[in-house]
Amino acid sequence: MSASESAVHTPRKTAKAPNPKLGWKVRIGVPLGIVFLRLLSLTWRVRERGDAPWKARLAAKQPFVFVLWHGQLLPLAHVLRRTGISVLISDHRDGEVIARILRSMGYASVRGSTTRGGGRALLGLIRELKNGRTVVLTPDGPRGPVGVFQAGALVAAQRAGVPVVTVAVQVDRAWRLNSWDRFIVPKPFARLSVAFGEPTAVLGDSVRAAAEETERFAAMLRTTEEQARA
C-alpha cells in the first residue's frame, strides 16, 4: 500500500493471461484465509491510545491519511476494519488476493504501486480523499526498503488538503513471515497495543515540498511506535 510521488499518467498495460497460480490462490486460498483470520482475530485483545482525534474526524466525515509500516498491516487492518476506509493495494501478482481479504473486512481498494501504475494510483487516492473517504497507506510498501518513508502518502494528503495520522502496533505474541518486511501475524490470544498520532498537515504546496516532509513524518511514526511499546 504505497503511492508514487508523481502524478504523471502511466499508460495502462495490455492485460496478461490469467496466472494459474494466482487463480488457485483466489479460488481456494482467499476463502480459507478469511475464515482463518476471522477465527484467529476473535482471540486478540486490543488496547488503543490516542484514538479520539481521528475517530472524531471520521465521525464528522473529515477525511485523512493513515500511515503505517507495511509489516504491521494485518493487525492494524483488524483494528481499523468496518470503518469504510480505502486501502492502496499494489499491482503485484498477489494484489487480488490481498484486495479480496481486505474487502471482507470492510475496506474499499485503490489499485497501484510505486513501481507500476503509480500515477493512476495517486490520482485515485486524491479522488477518494476529495470525495470524503479516509485512506490507508504504507510508506515503505509495496516492496521496501523496510522502514523507509516514501513521499507518496504525503503528496496525496497535501494535494487533497487533508492531514496525516500515524499509527503503529506492538504485539506481544506473533509469527513473523520470512518476507522483506517481516510481516506480523499475531498468535492466538495476543495482546495488540495500538497508538495513533495527532492529525498533522503536510506543509507546502508542491511535490518537492511534500518530499521534504518525509523525515518529519518518519520521526512522527517512530514516536508513535514508541508509544505503542509503552
Protein backbone atom coordinates (compact mmCIF):
# COMPACT_ATOMS: atom_id res chain seq x y z
CA MET A 1 0.00 0.00 0.00
CA SER A 2 2.06 2.90 -1.21
CA ALA A 3 1.69 5.76 -3.64
CA SER A 4 4.05 7.32 -6.13
CA GLU A 5 5.13 10.88 -5.51
CA SER A 6 4.48 11.72 -9.15
CA ALA A 7 1.02 12.22 -10.62
CA VAL A 8 2.24 11.73 -14.21
CA HIS A 9 -0.16 9.46 -16.09
CA THR A 10 1.15 5.94 -16.59
CA PRO A 11 -0.21 4.18 -19.70
CA ARG A 12 -2.28 1.12 -18.92
CA LYS A 13 -0.54 -2.08 -19.93
CA THR A 14 -2.17 -4.76 -22.03
CA ALA A 15 -3.84 -7.36 -19.84
CA LYS A 16 -1.90 -10.58 -19.44
CA ALA A 17 -3.31 -14.09 -19.50
CA PRO A 18 -4.60 -15.25 -16.09
CA ASN A 19 -1.93 -16.70 -13.84
CA PRO A 20 -2.92 -20.28 -12.88
CA LYS A 21 -1.15 -19.98 -9.53
CA LEU A 22 -2.96 -16.74 -8.75
CA GLY A 23 -6.26 -18.31 -9.81
CA TRP A 24 -5.75 -21.15 -7.33
CA LYS A 25 -4.98 -18.69 -4.55
CA VAL A 26 -8.06 -16.63 -5.31
CA ARG A 27 -10.46 -19.59 -5.56
CA ILE A 28 -9.23 -21.60 -2.57
CA GLY A 29 -6.68 -19.65 -0.57
CA VAL A 30 -8.75 -16.50 -0.08
CA PRO A 31 -11.86 -18.11 1.47
CA LEU A 32 -9.68 -20.27 3.73
CA GLY A 33 -7.56 -17.29 4.70
CA ILE A 34 -10.62 -15.20 5.53
CA VAL A 35 -12.05 -17.91 7.78
CA PHE A 36 -8.69 -18.48 9.50
CA LEU A 37 -8.15 -14.76 10.15
CA ARG A 38 -11.68 -14.28 11.47
CA LEU A 39 -11.27 -17.12 13.96
CA LEU A 40 -7.75 -16.05 14.94
CA SER A 41 -8.69 -12.39 15.43
CA LEU A 42 -11.54 -13.32 17.79
CA THR A 43 -8.87 -14.22 20.35
CA TRP A 44 -6.86 -10.99 20.08
CA ARG A 45 -7.08 -8.38 22.84
CA VAL A 46 -6.69 -4.77 21.68
CA ARG A 47 -5.72 -1.64 23.60
CA GLU A 48 -5.84 1.72 21.80
CA ARG A 49 -4.36 5.05 22.80
CA GLY A 50 -4.60 8.43 21.10
CA ASP A 51 -7.62 7.29 19.06
CA ALA A 52 -10.08 10.08 20.00
CA PRO A 53 -8.88 12.72 17.45
CA TRP A 54 -9.08 10.51 14.36
CA LYS A 55 -12.37 8.93 15.44
CA ALA A 56 -13.86 12.43 15.83
CA ARG A 57 -12.72 13.32 12.31
CA LEU A 58 -14.12 10.09 10.90
CA ALA A 59 -17.48 10.67 12.62
CA ALA A 60 -17.56 14.21 11.19
CA LYS A 61 -16.77 12.83 7.70
CA GLN A 62 -13.48 14.74 7.57
CA PRO A 63 -11.04 12.52 5.64
CA PHE A 64 -7.36 11.99 6.37
CA VAL A 65 -4.49 9.63 5.52
CA PHE A 66 -3.41 6.83 7.87
CA VAL A 67 0.27 5.86 7.50
CA LEU A 68 1.73 2.64 8.94
CA TRP A 69 4.63 0.30 8.20
CA HIS A 70 3.86 -2.50 5.76
CA GLY A 71 4.88 -5.26 8.16
CA GLN A 72 2.17 -4.16 10.64
CA LEU A 73 -0.63 -4.22 8.06
CA LEU A 74 -2.52 -7.31 9.27
CA PRO A 75 -3.07 -6.43 12.96
CA LEU A 76 -3.83 -2.80 12.09
CA ALA A 77 -6.24 -3.84 9.33
CA HIS A 78 -8.07 -5.79 12.03
CA VAL A 79 -8.18 -2.77 14.36
CA LEU A 80 -9.41 -0.38 11.62
CA ARG A 81 -11.91 -2.77 9.98
CA ARG A 82 -15.52 -1.79 9.22
CA THR A 83 -14.72 1.93 9.11
CA GLY A 84 -15.29 2.46 5.36
CA ILE A 85 -11.62 3.25 4.72
CA SER A 86 -9.90 2.83 1.34
CA VAL A 87 -6.58 0.98 1.01
CA LEU A 88 -3.97 1.16 -1.75
CA ILE A 89 -3.27 -2.38 -2.99
CA SER A 90 -0.24 -2.94 -5.18
CA ASP A 91 -0.41 -4.41 -8.69
CA HIS A 92 1.95 -7.32 -7.95
CA ARG A 93 0.62 -10.82 -8.58
CA ASP A 94 -0.81 -11.35 -5.09
CA GLY A 95 -2.60 -7.99 -5.09
CA GLU A 96 -6.01 -9.50 -5.91
CA VAL A 97 -5.69 -11.95 -3.00
CA ILE A 98 -4.93 -9.10 -0.59
CA ALA A 99 -7.72 -6.95 -2.05
CA ARG A 100 -10.33 -9.68 -1.53
CA ILE A 101 -9.24 -10.35 2.04
CA LEU A 102 -9.39 -6.64 2.87
CA ARG A 103 -12.79 -6.28 1.19
CA SER A 104 -14.10 -8.98 3.52
CA MET A 105 -13.00 -6.72 6.39
CA GLY A 106 -14.96 -3.76 5.02
CA TYR A 107 -12.26 -1.94 3.06
CA ALA A 108 -12.52 -0.38 -0.39
CA SER A 109 -9.41 -0.65 -2.57
CA VAL A 110 -7.41 1.53 -4.97
CA ARG A 111 -5.01 -0.46 -7.15
CA GLY A 112 -1.46 0.64 -7.95
CA SER A 113 2.07 0.90 -6.58
CA THR A 114 5.29 2.87 -6.69
CA THR A 115 6.60 0.62 -9.45
CA ARG A 116 3.54 0.04 -11.66
CA GLY A 117 0.53 2.29 -12.10
CA GLY A 118 1.84 4.78 -9.54
CA GLY A 119 0.45 7.87 -11.26
CA ARG A 120 -3.03 6.36 -11.61
CA ALA A 121 -2.91 5.16 -8.01
CA LEU A 122 -2.00 8.60 -6.68
CA LEU A 123 -4.78 10.25 -8.66
CA GLY A 124 -7.22 7.61 -7.39
CA LEU A 125 -6.19 8.26 -3.79
CA ILE A 126 -6.60 12.02 -4.17
CA ARG A 127 -10.03 11.44 -5.69
CA GLU A 128 -11.03 9.20 -2.75
CA LEU A 129 -9.88 11.83 -0.25
CA LYS A 130 -11.68 14.67 -2.02
CA ASN A 131 -14.82 12.52 -2.04
CA GLY A 132 -14.62 12.32 1.74
CA ARG A 133 -13.12 8.84 2.19
CA THR A 134 -10.16 8.24 4.52
CA VAL A 135 -7.32 6.16 3.06
CA VAL A 136 -4.56 3.91 4.46
CA LEU A 137 -1.03 3.86 3.02
CA THR A 138 2.19 2.07 3.89
CA PRO A 139 5.02 4.49 3.07
CA ASP A 140 7.58 1.66 2.88
CA GLY A 141 5.44 -0.56 0.63
CA PRO A 142 4.91 -2.44 -1.53
CA ARG A 143 8.46 -3.87 -1.71
CA GLY A 144 10.56 -1.78 0.67
CA PRO A 145 13.12 -0.88 1.74
CA VAL A 146 11.59 -1.71 5.11
CA GLY A 147 11.09 1.29 7.36
CA VAL A 148 12.00 3.83 4.68
CA PHE A 149 9.33 6.55 4.44
CA GLN A 150 8.50 7.30 0.79
CA ALA A 151 6.74 10.55 -0.12
CA GLY A 152 3.63 9.25 -1.92
CA ALA A 153 1.33 9.37 1.10
CA LEU A 154 2.38 12.93 1.86
CA VAL A 155 1.84 14.04 -1.74
CA ALA A 156 -1.69 12.59 -1.72
CA ALA A 157 -2.53 14.26 1.61
CA GLN A 158 -1.07 17.60 0.52
CA ARG A 159 -2.91 17.71 -2.80
CA ALA A 160 -6.21 16.70 -1.21
CA GLY A 161 -5.74 19.19 1.64
CA VAL A 162 -6.11 16.60 4.43
CA PRO A 163 -3.94 15.72 7.45
CA VAL A 164 -1.88 12.59 8.09
CA VAL A 165 -2.33 10.29 11.11
CA THR A 166 0.48 7.91 12.07
CA VAL A 167 -0.45 4.52 13.54
CA ALA A 168 1.67 1.69 14.98
CA VAL A 169 1.13 -1.56 16.86
CA GLN A 170 3.09 -3.62 19.36
CA VAL A 171 2.19 -7.33 19.54
CA ASP A 172 3.35 -9.45 22.46
CA ARG A 173 2.97 -12.82 20.67
CA ALA A 174 3.38 -13.05 16.89
CA TRP A 175 4.67 -15.06 13.97
CA ARG A 176 6.91 -13.13 11.59
CA LEU A 177 6.88 -14.24 7.98
CA ASN A 178 10.11 -14.70 6.04
CA SER A 179 9.35 -11.68 3.85
CA TRP A 180 11.12 -8.39 3.16
CA ASP A 181 9.00 -6.61 5.79
CA ARG A 182 8.96 -9.43 8.40
CA PHE A 183 5.15 -9.37 8.14
CA ILE A 184 3.47 -9.74 11.56
CA VAL A 185 0.73 -12.32 12.22
CA PRO A 186 -0.42 -12.13 15.86
CA LYS A 187 -0.68 -15.51 17.56
CA PRO A 188 -3.84 -16.71 19.36
CA PHE A 189 -4.68 -14.59 22.42
CA ALA A 190 -2.06 -11.98 21.50
CA ARG A 191 -2.24 -8.51 23.04
CA LEU A 192 -2.25 -5.69 20.49
CA SER A 193 -1.20 -2.28 21.79
CA VAL A 194 -2.10 0.34 19.17
CA ALA A 195 -1.03 4.00 19.23
CA PHE A 196 -2.19 6.86 17.00
CA GLY A 197 -0.54 10.21 16.33
CA GLU A 198 -2.31 13.56 16.09
CA PRO A 199 -3.74 14.58 12.70
CA THR A 200 -0.92 16.63 11.14
CA ALA A 201 -0.94 18.74 7.98
CA VAL A 202 1.69 18.35 5.25
CA LEU A 203 3.40 21.72 4.69
CA GLY A 204 3.99 23.36 1.33
CA ASP A 205 2.11 23.21 -1.97
CA SER A 206 4.35 21.19 -4.29
CA VAL A 207 5.59 17.62 -4.74
CA ARG A 208 9.09 18.72 -3.76
CA ALA A 209 7.79 20.38 -0.58
CA ALA A 210 5.90 17.19 0.34
CA ALA A 211 9.01 15.08 -0.29
CA GLU A 212 10.97 17.33 2.06
CA GLU A 213 8.50 16.42 4.81
CA THR A 214 9.38 12.71 4.79
CA GLU A 215 11.94 12.94 7.60
CA ARG A 216 9.49 14.79 9.86
CA PHE A 217 6.74 12.25 9.33
CA ALA A 218 9.14 9.29 9.61
CA ALA A 219 10.17 10.65 13.02
CA MET A 220 6.49 11.01 13.97
CA LEU A 221 5.84 7.39 13.00
CA ARG A 222 8.84 6.24 15.08
CA THR A 223 7.45 8.21 18.03
CA THR A 224 4.09 6.52 17.57
CA GLU A 225 5.86 3.14 17.61
CA GLU A 226 7.47 4.06 20.94
CA GLN A 227 4.05 4.99 22.33
CA ALA A 228 2.66 1.61 21.23
CA ARG A 229 5.50 -0.14 23.09
CA ALA A 230 5.00 1.92 26.28
